Amino acid sequence: MAELKAVKISKETYAELSAIAGELQIKKKRPVSIDDAMKYLIRRSKKGRKISDLAGSWIMSDDEAQEIKSSIAKAWETWKS
């Protein structure tokens, strides 16, 4: 078994880690410890981010979506000419 170390963290940090552990527990469908949550965060930070990690992070209105589509269509028309 690995040697255990005590680490002091604020209540706010503990609450955040607990929330992450809860999310992992739902995802993995098994109990998840704070240590597991910290290992997950460390692995994720070492892995780097993928563009797909951002999926769903931008909440846009229908008007914004239409504006983007129109801008892309206009750019394609310019490119085709």
Protein backbone atom coordinates (compact mmCIF):
# COMPACT_ATOMS: atom_id res chain seq x y z
CA MET A 1 0.00 0.00 0.00
CA ALA A 2 1.19 3.51 -0.78
CA GLU A 3 2.34 5.76 2.03
CA LEU A 4 -0.37 8.19 3.07
CA LYS A 5 0.25 11.93 3.57
CA ALA A 6 -1.97 14.53 5.20
CA VAL A 7 -2.70 17.64 3.16
CA LYS A 8 -4.46 20.78 4.40
CA ILE A 9 -6.99 22.29 2.02
CA SER A 10 -9.66 24.94 2.44
CA LYS A 11 -13.32 24.09 2.90
CA GLU A 12 -14.01 25.50 -0.54
CA THR A 13 -11.39 23.28 -2.19
CA TYR A 14 -12.69 20.25 -0.31
CA ALA A 15 -16.23 21.05 -1.49
CA GLU A 16 -15.02 21.29 -5.11
CA LEU A 17 -13.12 17.99 -4.83
CA SER A 18 -16.18 16.36 -3.29
CA ALA A 19 -18.32 17.59 -6.19
CA ILE A 20 -15.82 16.19 -8.70
CA ALA A 21 -15.75 12.89 -6.79
CA GLY A 22 -19.56 12.83 -6.96
CA GLU A 23 -19.52 13.38 -10.73
CA LEU A 24 -16.94 10.61 -11.15
CA GLN A 25 -19.01 8.31 -8.97
CA ILE A 26 -21.98 8.79 -11.27
CA LYS A 27 -19.81 8.28 -14.36
CA LYS A 28 -18.00 5.18 -13.03
CA LYS A 29 -21.03 3.78 -11.16
CA ARG A 30 -18.90 2.99 -8.10
CA PRO A 31 -17.72 4.78 -4.97
CA VAL A 32 -15.02 7.39 -5.66
CA SER A 33 -12.74 8.89 -3.01
CA ILE A 34 -11.25 12.37 -2.81
CA ASP A 35 -7.91 10.72 -3.65
CA ASP A 36 -9.48 9.26 -6.82
CA ALA A 37 -10.79 12.71 -7.74
CA MET A 38 -7.35 14.25 -7.27
CA LYS A 39 -5.70 11.52 -9.40
CA TYR A 40 -8.32 12.11 -12.08
CA LEU A 41 -7.58 15.85 -12.12
CA ILE A 42 -3.82 15.25 -12.26
CA ARG A 43 -4.15 12.78 -15.17
CA ARG A 44 -6.49 15.15 -16.99
CA SER A 45 -4.07 18.07 -16.63
CA LYS A 46 -1.17 15.97 -17.94
CA LYS A 47 -3.16 14.66 -20.88
CA GLY A 48 -3.86 18.02 -22.39
CA ARG A 49 -7.19 19.18 -23.63
CA LYS A 50 -9.04 18.13 -26.75
CA ILE A 51 -11.36 20.39 -28.67
CA SER A 52 -14.17 17.93 -27.90
CA ASP A 53 -13.77 18.75 -24.18
CA LEU A 54 -15.39 22.09 -24.99
CA ALA A 55 -18.52 20.51 -26.50
CA GLY A 56 -21.59 21.98 -24.89
CA SER A 57 -19.71 24.69 -23.04
CA TRP A 58 -20.96 27.55 -25.21
CA ILE A 59 -24.64 28.25 -24.77
CA MET A 60 -25.79 30.28 -27.74
CA SER A 61 -29.12 31.67 -28.77
CA ASP A 62 -30.87 30.77 -32.01
CA ASP A 63 -30.05 34.28 -33.29
CA GLU A 64 -26.32 33.75 -32.63
CA ALA A 65 -26.42 30.39 -34.40
CA GLN A 66 -28.13 31.92 -37.41
CA GLU A 67 -25.62 34.78 -37.51
CA ILE A 68 -22.73 32.30 -37.51
CA LYS A 69 -24.34 30.21 -40.27
CA SER A 70 -24.91 33.34 -42.37
CA SER A 71 -21.30 34.47 -41.87
CA ILE A 72 -19.99 31.06 -42.93
CA ALA A 73 -22.26 30.99 -45.99
CA LYS A 74 -21.08 34.50 -46.97
CA ALA A 75 -17.44 33.47 -46.53
CA TRP A 76 -17.96 30.39 -48.75
CA GLU A 77 -19.53 32.55 -51.46
CA THR A 78 -16.55 34.89 -51.35
CA TRP A 79 -14.15 31.92 -51.51
CA LYS A 80 -15.99 30.30 -54.47
CA SER A 81 -15.84 33.52 -56.53
